[in-house]
Amino acid sequence: MESHKHYYEEIVLACDAIGVRVTAQCLFVSVREQRAYFYNKMQLEMVYIISTAVKGISQIQDSEGTPLGLHKIADKIGEGMPWGMVFIGRKSTGKIFTEYGDWETKGYVTSRILRLKGCQDGYNFGGNCDSYNRYIYIHGITNEQKIGMPWTRGCIGMRNNDVIELFSKVAVGALVLIRE
C-alpha cells in the first residue's frame, strides 16, 4: 500500500492550489484505475474497487460524466439502513434492490450515499458544472459484477459492503480528489 503515497501528495497539492486545508480523512479516486484510496491521518487505510461513469469524464450538467477535481463530502445519507436499500431522490424507498425486477440493468443508488460538493469555483462548483447540483455521489450499486469498470451515470459506485464500511469511517467535510 505504500506505493500509493503519491496519491496523498496529490491531495495535498490540490488543496494548496486553492487554499484549502487537508482533512484528516480523505479519498483519492482514480478514474483510470477504477480505484478509491482512503487515507486516515495521512496513512493509506483502504483501497476500494469502484465504478465511474460509462460516459467518461465531464464536469458539465446533464453529461452523465464523472467530474474531476477536489470535492468534499457534503452529506451522508442512509445511516442505519439495511444493506441494499434503494434510494430515490436521496430518500429510502423501503425496498432492497433485489425486490425490483430490473435491478441487474438499472443503476439504483443503494445502501449509503456520500454526496459530493465541488471545491473549485467554475470547475466543479457553480454554474453548469456544479457537482452538488448534479447530484454526484459515492454510493452502493445494484449489479456488483460491474464494479471495476465504468458503469454509473456520473457517480462513484461501490460494492454495498464497501460503501457501508467507508460511510462508517469518513466524516462530513472530508476531501475527495477525483483524477483521470
C-alpha atoms as a PDB file:
ATOM      1  CA  MET A   1       0.000   0.000   0.000  1.00  0.00           C
ATOM      2  CA  GLU A   2       2.984   2.337   0.468  1.00  0.00           C
ATOM      3  CA  SER A   3       3.421   2.587  -3.323  1.00  0.00           C
ATOM      4  CA  HIS A   4       0.347   4.842  -3.489  1.00  0.00           C
ATOM      5  CA  LYS A   5       1.784   7.518  -1.186  1.00  0.00           C
ATOM      6  CA  HIS A   6       1.969   9.901  -4.160  1.00  0.00           C
ATOM      7  CA  TYR A   7      -1.847   9.997  -4.269  1.00  0.00           C
ATOM      8  CA  TYR A   8      -1.911  11.582  -0.835  1.00  0.00           C
ATOM      9  CA  GLU A   9       0.673  14.080  -2.047  1.00  0.00           C
ATOM     10  CA  GLU A  10      -1.630  14.919  -4.985  1.00  0.00           C
ATOM     11  CA  ILE A  11      -4.418  15.657  -2.498  1.00  0.00           C
ATOM     12  CA  VAL A  12      -2.106  17.994  -0.569  1.00  0.00           C
ATOM     13  CA  LEU A  13      -1.047  19.785  -3.765  1.00  0.00           C
ATOM     14  CA  ALA A  14      -4.664  20.175  -4.914  1.00  0.00           C
ATOM     15  CA  CYS A  15      -5.565  21.673  -1.526  1.00  0.00           C
ATOM     16  CA  ASP A  16      -2.574  24.019  -1.575  1.00  0.00           C
ATOM     17  CA  ALA A  17      -3.504  25.216  -5.080  1.00  0.00           C
ATOM     18  CA  ILE A  18      -6.858  26.571  -3.903  1.00  0.00           C
ATOM     19  CA  GLY A  19      -6.017  27.369  -0.266  1.00  0.00           C
ATOM     20  CA  VAL A  20      -7.970  24.535   1.327  1.00  0.00           C
ATOM     21  CA  ARG A  21      -6.710  22.709   4.396  1.00  0.00           C
ATOM     22  CA  VAL A  22      -6.250  18.936   4.051  1.00  0.00           C
ATOM     23  CA  THR A  23      -8.723  16.991   6.171  1.00  0.00           C
ATOM     24  CA  ALA A  24      -7.713  14.118   8.464  1.00  0.00           C
ATOM     25  CA  GLN A  25      -9.668  11.703   6.284  1.00  0.00           C
ATOM     26  CA  CYS A  26      -9.573  11.989   2.513  1.00  0.00           C
ATOM     27  CA  LEU A  27     -10.108   9.980  -0.639  1.00  0.00           C
ATOM     28  CA  PHE A  28      -8.203   9.855  -3.899  1.00  0.00           C
ATOM     29  CA  VAL A  29     -10.342   8.495  -6.745  1.00  0.00           C
ATOM     30  CA  SER A  30      -8.584   7.265  -9.874  1.00  0.00           C
ATOM     31  CA  VAL A  31     -10.927   7.012 -12.860  1.00  0.00           C
ATOM     32  CA  ARG A  32      -8.246   5.253 -14.915  1.00  0.00           C
ATOM     33  CA  GLU A  33      -7.630   2.600 -12.254  1.00  0.00           C
ATOM     34  CA  GLN A  34     -11.273   2.402 -11.086  1.00  0.00           C
ATOM     35  CA  ARG A  35      -9.990   2.606  -7.504  1.00  0.00           C
ATOM     36  CA  ALA A  36     -10.598   4.818  -4.475  1.00  0.00           C
ATOM     37  CA  TYR A  37      -7.829   5.219  -1.909  1.00  0.00           C
ATOM     38  CA  PHE A  38      -8.988   6.090   1.607  1.00  0.00           C
ATOM     39  CA  TYR A  39      -6.470   7.947   3.785  1.00  0.00           C
ATOM     40  CA  ASN A  40      -6.843   8.448   7.506  1.00  0.00           C
ATOM     41  CA  LYS A  41      -4.341  10.771   9.192  1.00  0.00           C
ATOM     42  CA  MET A  42      -2.024  10.656   6.144  1.00  0.00           C
ATOM     43  CA  GLN A  43      -1.941   6.840   6.115  1.00  0.00           C
ATOM     44  CA  LEU A  44      -3.486   4.720   3.391  1.00  0.00           C
ATOM     45  CA  GLU A  45      -6.110   2.675   5.208  1.00  0.00           C
ATOM     46  CA  MET A  46      -8.070   1.034   2.405  1.00  0.00           C
ATOM     47  CA  VAL A  47      -8.244   0.657  -1.363  1.00  0.00           C
ATOM     48  CA  TYR A  48     -11.692   0.126  -2.869  1.00  0.00           C
ATOM     49  CA  ILE A  49     -12.564  -1.063  -6.353  1.00  0.00           C
ATOM     50  CA  ILE A  50     -15.129   1.340  -7.797  1.00  0.00           C
ATOM     51  CA  SER A  51     -17.080   2.184 -10.931  1.00  0.00           C
ATOM     52  CA  THR A  52     -17.235   5.590 -12.564  1.00  0.00           C
ATOM     53  CA  ALA A  53     -19.292   6.916 -15.473  1.00  0.00           C
ATOM     54  CA  VAL A  54     -19.938   4.960 -18.648  1.00  0.00           C
ATOM     55  CA  LYS A  55     -19.818   8.307 -20.483  1.00  0.00           C
ATOM     56  CA  GLY A  56     -16.349   9.113 -19.142  1.00  0.00           C
ATOM     57  CA  ILE A  57     -15.254  12.326 -17.521  1.00  0.00           C
ATOM     58  CA  SER A  58     -17.215  15.561 -17.590  1.00  0.00           C
ATOM     59  CA  GLN A  59     -17.954  18.450 -15.299  1.00  0.00           C
ATOM     60  CA  ILE A  60     -20.998  19.620 -17.249  1.00  0.00           C
ATOM     61  CA  GLN A  61     -24.619  19.401 -16.079  1.00  0.00           C
ATOM     62  CA  ASP A  62     -26.600  16.545 -17.704  1.00  0.00           C
ATOM     63  CA  SER A  63     -23.445  14.985 -19.227  1.00  0.00           C
ATOM     64  CA  GLU A  64     -23.616  11.887 -17.003  1.00  0.00           C
ATOM     65  CA  GLY A  65     -19.824  12.096 -16.757  1.00  0.00           C
ATOM     66  CA  THR A  66     -17.760  11.751 -13.594  1.00  0.00           C
ATOM     67  CA  PRO A  67     -16.457  15.186 -12.551  1.00  0.00           C
ATOM     68  CA  LEU A  68     -12.788  15.738 -11.796  1.00  0.00           C
ATOM     69  CA  GLY A  69     -11.144  17.859  -9.145  1.00  0.00           C
ATOM     70  CA  LEU A  70     -11.305  18.492  -5.446  1.00  0.00           C
ATOM     71  CA  HIS A  71     -14.612  17.811  -3.710  1.00  0.00           C
ATOM     72  CA  LYS A  72     -15.781  17.436  -0.145  1.00  0.00           C
ATOM     73  CA  ILE A  73     -18.365  15.145   1.379  1.00  0.00           C
ATOM     74  CA  ALA A  74     -21.310  17.456   1.929  1.00  0.00           C
ATOM     75  CA  ASP A  75     -23.911  14.978   3.169  1.00  0.00           C
ATOM     76  CA  LYS A  76     -24.065  11.425   4.489  1.00  0.00           C
ATOM     77  CA  ILE A  77     -27.380   9.720   3.792  1.00  0.00           C
ATOM     78  CA  GLY A  78     -28.630   6.286   4.806  1.00  0.00           C
ATOM     79  CA  GLU A  79     -27.149   5.658   8.231  1.00  0.00           C
ATOM     80  CA  GLY A  80     -28.717   2.579   9.804  1.00  0.00           C
ATOM     81  CA  MET A  81     -30.474   1.478   6.629  1.00  0.00           C
ATOM     82  CA  PRO A  82     -30.270  -2.197   5.626  1.00  0.00           C
ATOM     83  CA  TRP A  83     -27.730  -3.465   3.115  1.00  0.00           C
ATOM     84  CA  GLY A  84     -29.046  -2.944  -0.437  1.00  0.00           C
ATOM     85  CA  MET A  85     -31.714  -0.351   0.447  1.00  0.00           C
ATOM     86  CA  VAL A  86     -32.710   1.648  -2.637  1.00  0.00           C
ATOM     87  CA  PHE A  87     -32.714   5.450  -2.505  1.00  0.00           C
ATOM     88  CA  ILE A  88     -34.573   7.616  -4.971  1.00  0.00           C
ATOM     89  CA  GLY A  89     -34.120  11.354  -4.606  1.00  0.00           C
ATOM     90  CA  ARG A  90     -31.964  10.633  -1.524  1.00  0.00           C
ATOM     91  CA  LYS A  91     -34.975   9.069   0.218  1.00  0.00           C
ATOM     92  CA  SER A  92     -35.290   5.418   1.185  1.00  0.00           C
ATOM     93  CA  THR A  93     -37.842   3.510  -0.884  1.00  0.00           C
ATOM     94  CA  GLY A  94     -38.240   0.927   1.869  1.00  0.00           C
ATOM     95  CA  LYS A  95     -37.171  -1.813  -0.559  1.00  0.00           C
ATOM     96  CA  ILE A  96     -33.958  -3.744  -1.126  1.00  0.00           C
ATOM     97  CA  PHE A  97     -32.777  -3.632  -4.750  1.00  0.00           C
ATOM     98  CA  THR A  98     -33.480  -7.341  -5.341  1.00  0.00           C
ATOM     99  CA  GLU A  99     -37.178  -6.521  -4.868  1.00  0.00           C
ATOM    100  CA  TYR A 100     -37.035  -4.660  -8.193  1.00  0.00           C
ATOM    101  CA  GLY A 101     -37.238  -6.796 -11.342  1.00  0.00           C
ATOM    102  CA  ASP A 102     -34.775  -4.610 -13.257  1.00  0.00           C
ATOM    103  CA  TRP A 103     -32.060  -4.418 -10.592  1.00  0.00           C
ATOM    104  CA  GLU A 104     -29.390  -6.065 -12.778  1.00  0.00           C
ATOM    105  CA  THR A 105     -29.664  -3.483 -15.529  1.00  0.00           C
ATOM    106  CA  LYS A 106     -30.827  -0.337 -13.753  1.00  0.00           C
ATOM    107  CA  GLY A 107     -28.331   1.699 -11.776  1.00  0.00           C
ATOM    108  CA  TYR A 108     -30.132   2.123  -8.487  1.00  0.00           C
ATOM    109  CA  VAL A 109     -28.465   4.072  -5.671  1.00  0.00           C
ATOM    110  CA  THR A 110     -28.142   1.632  -2.766  1.00  0.00           C
ATOM    111  CA  SER A 111     -27.062   1.203   0.878  1.00  0.00           C
ATOM    112  CA  ARG A 112     -25.421   4.585   1.584  1.00  0.00           C
ATOM    113  CA  ILE A 113     -24.882   7.949  -0.103  1.00  0.00           C
ATOM    114  CA  LEU A 114     -21.926  10.279   0.322  1.00  0.00           C
ATOM    115  CA  ARG A 115     -22.989  13.408  -1.573  1.00  0.00           C
ATOM    116  CA  LEU A 116     -20.149  15.420  -3.053  1.00  0.00           C
ATOM    117  CA  LYS A 117     -19.759  19.176  -3.337  1.00  0.00           C
ATOM    118  CA  GLY A 118     -17.123  20.690  -5.599  1.00  0.00           C
ATOM    119  CA  CYS A 119     -14.450  22.932  -4.116  1.00  0.00           C
ATOM    120  CA  GLN A 120     -13.212  24.591  -7.323  1.00  0.00           C
ATOM    121  CA  ASP A 121     -15.284  27.554  -8.469  1.00  0.00           C
ATOM    122  CA  GLY A 122     -16.097  27.356 -12.167  1.00  0.00           C
ATOM    123  CA  TYR A 123     -14.688  23.830 -12.440  1.00  0.00           C
ATOM    124  CA  ASN A 124     -16.859  21.617 -10.218  1.00  0.00           C
ATOM    125  CA  PHE A 125     -18.677  24.291  -8.230  1.00  0.00           C
ATOM    126  CA  GLY A 126     -21.170  26.827  -9.549  1.00  0.00           C
ATOM    127  CA  GLY A 127     -22.796  27.370 -12.914  1.00  0.00           C
ATOM    128  CA  ASN A 128     -23.385  24.377 -15.178  1.00  0.00           C
ATOM    129  CA  CYS A 129     -20.547  22.353 -13.626  1.00  0.00           C
ATOM    130  CA  ASP A 130     -21.720  22.126 -10.023  1.00  0.00           C
ATOM    131  CA  SER A 131     -21.200  18.594  -8.668  1.00  0.00           C
ATOM    132  CA  TYR A 132     -23.617  19.127  -5.788  1.00  0.00           C
ATOM    133  CA  ASN A 133     -26.405  20.322  -8.084  1.00  0.00           C
ATOM    134  CA  ARG A 134     -25.606  17.415 -10.445  1.00  0.00           C
ATOM    135  CA  TYR A 135     -26.249  15.011  -7.521  1.00  0.00           C
ATOM    136  CA  ILE A 136     -22.823  13.409  -7.719  1.00  0.00           C
ATOM    137  CA  TYR A 137     -22.472  10.752  -5.021  1.00  0.00           C
ATOM    138  CA  ILE A 138     -20.349   7.916  -3.790  1.00  0.00           C
ATOM    139  CA  HIS A 139     -22.920   5.144  -3.331  1.00  0.00           C
ATOM    140  CA  GLY A 140     -23.653   1.440  -3.444  1.00  0.00           C
ATOM    141  CA  ILE A 141     -24.747  -0.127  -6.735  1.00  0.00           C
ATOM    142  CA  THR A 142     -27.075  -2.985  -7.616  1.00  0.00           C
ATOM    143  CA  ASN A 143     -25.013  -5.048 -10.048  1.00  0.00           C
ATOM    144  CA  GLU A 144     -21.736  -5.520  -8.182  1.00  0.00           C
ATOM    145  CA  GLN A 145     -20.334  -7.544 -11.100  1.00  0.00           C
ATOM    146  CA  LYS A 146     -19.885  -4.169 -12.834  1.00  0.00           C
ATOM    147  CA  ILE A 147     -17.521  -2.900 -10.130  1.00  0.00           C
ATOM    148  CA  GLY A 148     -14.090  -2.206 -11.596  1.00  0.00           C
ATOM    149  CA  MET A 149     -15.415  -0.917 -14.928  1.00  0.00           C
ATOM    150  CA  PRO A 150     -17.278   2.253 -15.887  1.00  0.00           C
ATOM    151  CA  TRP A 151     -20.991   1.664 -15.227  1.00  0.00           C
ATOM    152  CA  THR A 152     -22.531   4.683 -13.487  1.00  0.00           C
ATOM    153  CA  ARG A 153     -24.189   7.856 -14.728  1.00  0.00           C
ATOM    154  CA  GLY A 154     -21.566  10.159 -13.239  1.00  0.00           C
ATOM    155  CA  CYS A 155     -21.325   8.960  -9.663  1.00  0.00           C
ATOM    156  CA  ILE A 156     -18.725   6.775  -8.000  1.00  0.00           C
ATOM    157  CA  GLY A 157     -20.299   3.377  -7.450  1.00  0.00           C
ATOM    158  CA  MET A 158     -19.084   0.909  -4.840  1.00  0.00           C
ATOM    159  CA  ARG A 159     -19.913  -2.551  -3.563  1.00  0.00           C
ATOM    160  CA  ASN A 160     -22.590  -2.256  -0.891  1.00  0.00           C
ATOM    161  CA  ASN A 161     -20.394  -3.697   1.880  1.00  0.00           C
ATOM    162  CA  ASP A 162     -17.603  -1.294   0.906  1.00  0.00           C
ATOM    163  CA  VAL A 163     -19.753   1.837   0.876  1.00  0.00           C
ATOM    164  CA  ILE A 164     -21.245   0.875   4.251  1.00  0.00           C
ATOM    165  CA  GLU A 165     -17.725   0.451   5.640  1.00  0.00           C
ATOM    166  CA  LEU A 166     -16.482   3.742   4.155  1.00  0.00           C
ATOM    167  CA  PHE A 167     -19.609   5.560   5.364  1.00  0.00           C
ATOM    168  CA  SER A 168     -18.854   4.431   8.924  1.00  0.00           C
ATOM    169  CA  LYS A 169     -15.288   5.768   8.750  1.00  0.00           C
ATOM    170  CA  VAL A 170     -15.473   9.034   6.845  1.00  0.00           C
ATOM    171  CA  ALA A 171     -16.780  12.352   8.149  1.00  0.00           C
ATOM    172  CA  VAL A 172     -18.826  15.077   6.506  1.00  0.00           C
ATOM    173  CA  GLY A 173     -16.313  17.602   5.190  1.00  0.00           C
ATOM    174  CA  ALA A 174     -13.677  15.033   4.248  1.00  0.00           C
ATOM    175  CA  LEU A 175     -11.991  15.847   0.946  1.00  0.00           C
ATOM    176  CA  VAL A 176     -12.274  13.722  -2.197  1.00  0.00           C
ATOM    177  CA  LEU A 177      -9.900  14.292  -5.105  1.00  0.00           C
ATOM    178  CA  ILE A 178     -11.078  12.775  -8.383  1.00  0.00           C
ATOM    179  CA  ARG A 179      -8.417  12.437 -11.061  1.00  0.00           C
ATOM    180  CA  GLU A 180      -8.363  10.957 -14.514  1.00  0.00           C
END
